[in-house]
Every structure is written in C-alpha cells, then in structure tokens.
Amino acid sequence: MRESPTPQRDPGVCPRLGCTCLALHRLARCLEAADRVSRPVSPHLEITGRAHLDGCAQGCSAEFRLSPRGVRIWCDGQAEVVPRQDA
C-alpha cells in the first residue's frame, strides 16, 4: 500500500464517483468496530488486507490497514479514503 500525502476527510466517499459508496462505508464501520473490540485485549494489533467493494456497477478493490493509529483504506490504488484517526 502506498501512503497518501493528502487523504480525503470524508469517509465513505468514492474517489472515482465523488459520492457515498455504501460498501466502503460498511467496510470502514466494520474495521472501526473490530478496532474498538480488539484494542483493550491487544493494544498493538495490526491487520492489513484487501476487500472487493461492490457499491456500484464498476466495483473496485480496496486495501486496508487497521493499527493502533486507526483505520486506513485505499481504493483501487488511489488516494486514501478513510484517514487515520490521529490525522
């Protein structure tokens, strides 16, 4: 995953379409819930992975990282669409 110098600040907005992507929004909320549940038990937990988002006819792939710094998601190798919580 590549770092984005200027992440968007509106979680759930598709960088390609410019509108809300429900699939992206669901992924972000699920990762944030996993973070809340796991953090007290494993404060240094880090998870990275990929997901297919089917929020529109085109669909896209997303890469994500959950870490002590928060949740980050990149769609189709583009700019970060869900910024770190500490950003």
C-alpha atoms as a PDB file:
ATOM      1  CA  MET A   1       0.000   0.000   0.000  1.00  0.00           C
ATOM      2  CA  ARG A   2       1.258   3.434  -0.738  1.00  0.00           C
ATOM      3  CA  GLU A   3       0.950   6.342   1.631  1.00  0.00           C
ATOM      4  CA  SER A   4      -1.242   9.225   0.536  1.00  0.00           C
ATOM      5  CA  PRO A   5       0.103  12.739   1.086  1.00  0.00           C
ATOM      6  CA  THR A   6      -3.364  14.331   1.101  1.00  0.00           C
ATOM      7  CA  PRO A   7      -6.034  11.947   2.367  1.00  0.00           C
ATOM      8  CA  GLN A   8      -9.690  12.767   1.872  1.00  0.00           C
ATOM      9  CA  ARG A   9     -11.526  13.584   5.085  1.00  0.00           C
ATOM     10  CA  ASP A  10     -14.962  12.243   4.195  1.00  0.00           C
ATOM     11  CA  PRO A  11     -15.071   8.515   4.974  1.00  0.00           C
ATOM     12  CA  GLY A  12     -17.295   6.588   2.618  1.00  0.00           C
ATOM     13  CA  VAL A  13     -16.965   8.879  -0.419  1.00  0.00           C
ATOM     14  CA  CYS A  14     -15.763   7.123  -3.563  1.00  0.00           C
ATOM     15  CA  PRO A  15     -12.771   8.968  -5.060  1.00  0.00           C
ATOM     16  CA  ARG A  16     -13.844   7.882  -8.565  1.00  0.00           C
ATOM     17  CA  LEU A  17     -17.550   8.730  -8.410  1.00  0.00           C
ATOM     18  CA  GLY A  18     -17.419  11.536  -5.843  1.00  0.00           C
ATOM     19  CA  CYS A  19     -20.428  10.221  -3.938  1.00  0.00           C
ATOM     20  CA  THR A  20     -21.053   7.922  -0.997  1.00  0.00           C
ATOM     21  CA  CYS A  21     -20.116   4.284  -1.504  1.00  0.00           C
ATOM     22  CA  LEU A  22     -22.160   2.141   0.849  1.00  0.00           C
ATOM     23  CA  ALA A  23     -19.737  -0.774   0.501  1.00  0.00           C
ATOM     24  CA  LEU A  24     -16.808   1.451   1.509  1.00  0.00           C
ATOM     25  CA  HIS A  25     -18.823   2.868   4.389  1.00  0.00           C
ATOM     26  CA  ARG A  26     -19.675  -0.658   5.629  1.00  0.00           C
ATOM     27  CA  LEU A  27     -16.028  -1.764   5.399  1.00  0.00           C
ATOM     28  CA  ALA A  28     -14.867   1.285   7.358  1.00  0.00           C
ATOM     29  CA  ARG A  29     -17.501   0.784  10.073  1.00  0.00           C
ATOM     30  CA  CYS A  30     -16.662  -2.943  10.383  1.00  0.00           C
ATOM     31  CA  LEU A  31     -12.949  -2.214  10.717  1.00  0.00           C
ATOM     32  CA  GLU A  32     -13.622   0.506  13.287  1.00  0.00           C
ATOM     33  CA  ALA A  33     -15.808  -1.913  15.277  1.00  0.00           C
ATOM     34  CA  ALA A  34     -13.080  -4.568  15.149  1.00  0.00           C
ATOM     35  CA  ASP A  35     -10.608  -1.970  16.374  1.00  0.00           C
ATOM     36  CA  ARG A  36     -12.814  -0.983  19.332  1.00  0.00           C
ATOM     37  CA  VAL A  37     -13.342  -4.609  20.366  1.00  0.00           C
ATOM     38  CA  SER A  38      -9.733  -5.740  19.968  1.00  0.00           C
ATOM     39  CA  ARG A  39      -7.844  -2.718  21.305  1.00  0.00           C
ATOM     40  CA  PRO A  40      -8.387  -3.434  25.058  1.00  0.00           C
ATOM     41  CA  VAL A  41      -7.193  -7.031  24.630  1.00  0.00           C
ATOM     42  CA  SER A  42      -4.436  -6.458  22.071  1.00  0.00           C
ATOM     43  CA  PRO A  43      -3.355  -2.789  22.031  1.00  0.00           C
ATOM     44  CA  HIS A  44      -0.674  -3.343  19.379  1.00  0.00           C
ATOM     45  CA  LEU A  45      -2.813  -5.347  16.931  1.00  0.00           C
ATOM     46  CA  GLU A  46      -2.220  -4.583  13.261  1.00  0.00           C
ATOM     47  CA  ILE A  47      -4.206  -6.068  10.381  1.00  0.00           C
ATOM     48  CA  THR A  48      -3.792  -5.453   6.665  1.00  0.00           C
ATOM     49  CA  GLY A  49      -5.857  -6.898   3.876  1.00  0.00           C
ATOM     50  CA  ARG A  50      -7.867  -6.476   0.716  1.00  0.00           C
ATOM     51  CA  ALA A  51     -11.570  -6.404   0.026  1.00  0.00           C
ATOM     52  CA  HIS A  52     -13.777  -6.202  -3.053  1.00  0.00           C
ATOM     53  CA  LEU A  53     -16.268  -3.337  -2.854  1.00  0.00           C
ATOM     54  CA  ASP A  54     -19.462  -3.811  -4.833  1.00  0.00           C
ATOM     55  CA  GLY A  55     -21.102  -0.468  -4.083  1.00  0.00           C
ATOM     56  CA  CYS A  56     -21.611   0.366  -7.778  1.00  0.00           C
ATOM     57  CA  ALA A  57     -21.740  -1.329 -11.163  1.00  0.00           C
ATOM     58  CA  GLN A  58     -17.976  -0.903 -11.654  1.00  0.00           C
ATOM     59  CA  GLY A  59     -16.924  -2.187  -8.231  1.00  0.00           C
ATOM     60  CA  CYS A  60     -13.339  -1.822  -7.038  1.00  0.00           C
ATOM     61  CA  SER A  61     -10.737  -3.371  -4.827  1.00  0.00           C
ATOM     62  CA  ALA A  62      -9.662  -1.803  -1.568  1.00  0.00           C
ATOM     63  CA  GLU A  63      -6.650  -2.274   0.633  1.00  0.00           C
ATOM     64  CA  PHE A  64      -6.944  -1.575   4.335  1.00  0.00           C
ATOM     65  CA  ARG A  65      -4.791  -1.246   7.411  1.00  0.00           C
ATOM     66  CA  LEU A  66      -6.011  -1.357  10.983  1.00  0.00           C
ATOM     67  CA  SER A  67      -3.350  -0.357  13.511  1.00  0.00           C
ATOM     68  CA  PRO A  68      -3.032   1.441  16.841  1.00  0.00           C
ATOM     69  CA  ARG A  69      -3.055   4.659  14.779  1.00  0.00           C
ATOM     70  CA  GLY A  70      -6.535   3.892  13.387  1.00  0.00           C
ATOM     71  CA  VAL A  71      -8.150   2.600  10.206  1.00  0.00           C
ATOM     72  CA  ARG A  72      -6.872   3.471   6.725  1.00  0.00           C
ATOM     73  CA  ILE A  73      -8.430   2.392   3.422  1.00  0.00           C
ATOM     74  CA  TRP A  74      -7.209   2.873  -0.152  1.00  0.00           C
ATOM     75  CA  CYS A  75      -9.497   2.155  -3.125  1.00  0.00           C
ATOM     76  CA  ASP A  76      -8.134   0.909  -6.465  1.00  0.00           C
ATOM     77  CA  GLY A  77      -4.661   2.155  -5.541  1.00  0.00           C
ATOM     78  CA  GLN A  78      -5.947   5.721  -5.358  1.00  0.00           C
ATOM     79  CA  ALA A  79      -5.784   8.237  -2.553  1.00  0.00           C
ATOM     80  CA  GLU A  80      -6.593   7.210   0.977  1.00  0.00           C
ATOM     81  CA  VAL A  81     -10.346   7.474   1.539  1.00  0.00           C
ATOM     82  CA  VAL A  82     -10.603   6.821   5.265  1.00  0.00           C
ATOM     83  CA  PRO A  83      -7.952   8.794   7.148  1.00  0.00           C
ATOM     84  CA  ARG A  84      -6.141   7.758  10.294  1.00  0.00           C
ATOM     85  CA  GLN A  85      -7.972   8.632  13.491  1.00  0.00           C
ATOM     86  CA  ASP A  86      -4.959  10.643  14.687  1.00  0.00           C
ATOM     87  CA  ALA A  87      -4.615  12.633  11.441  1.00  0.00           C
END
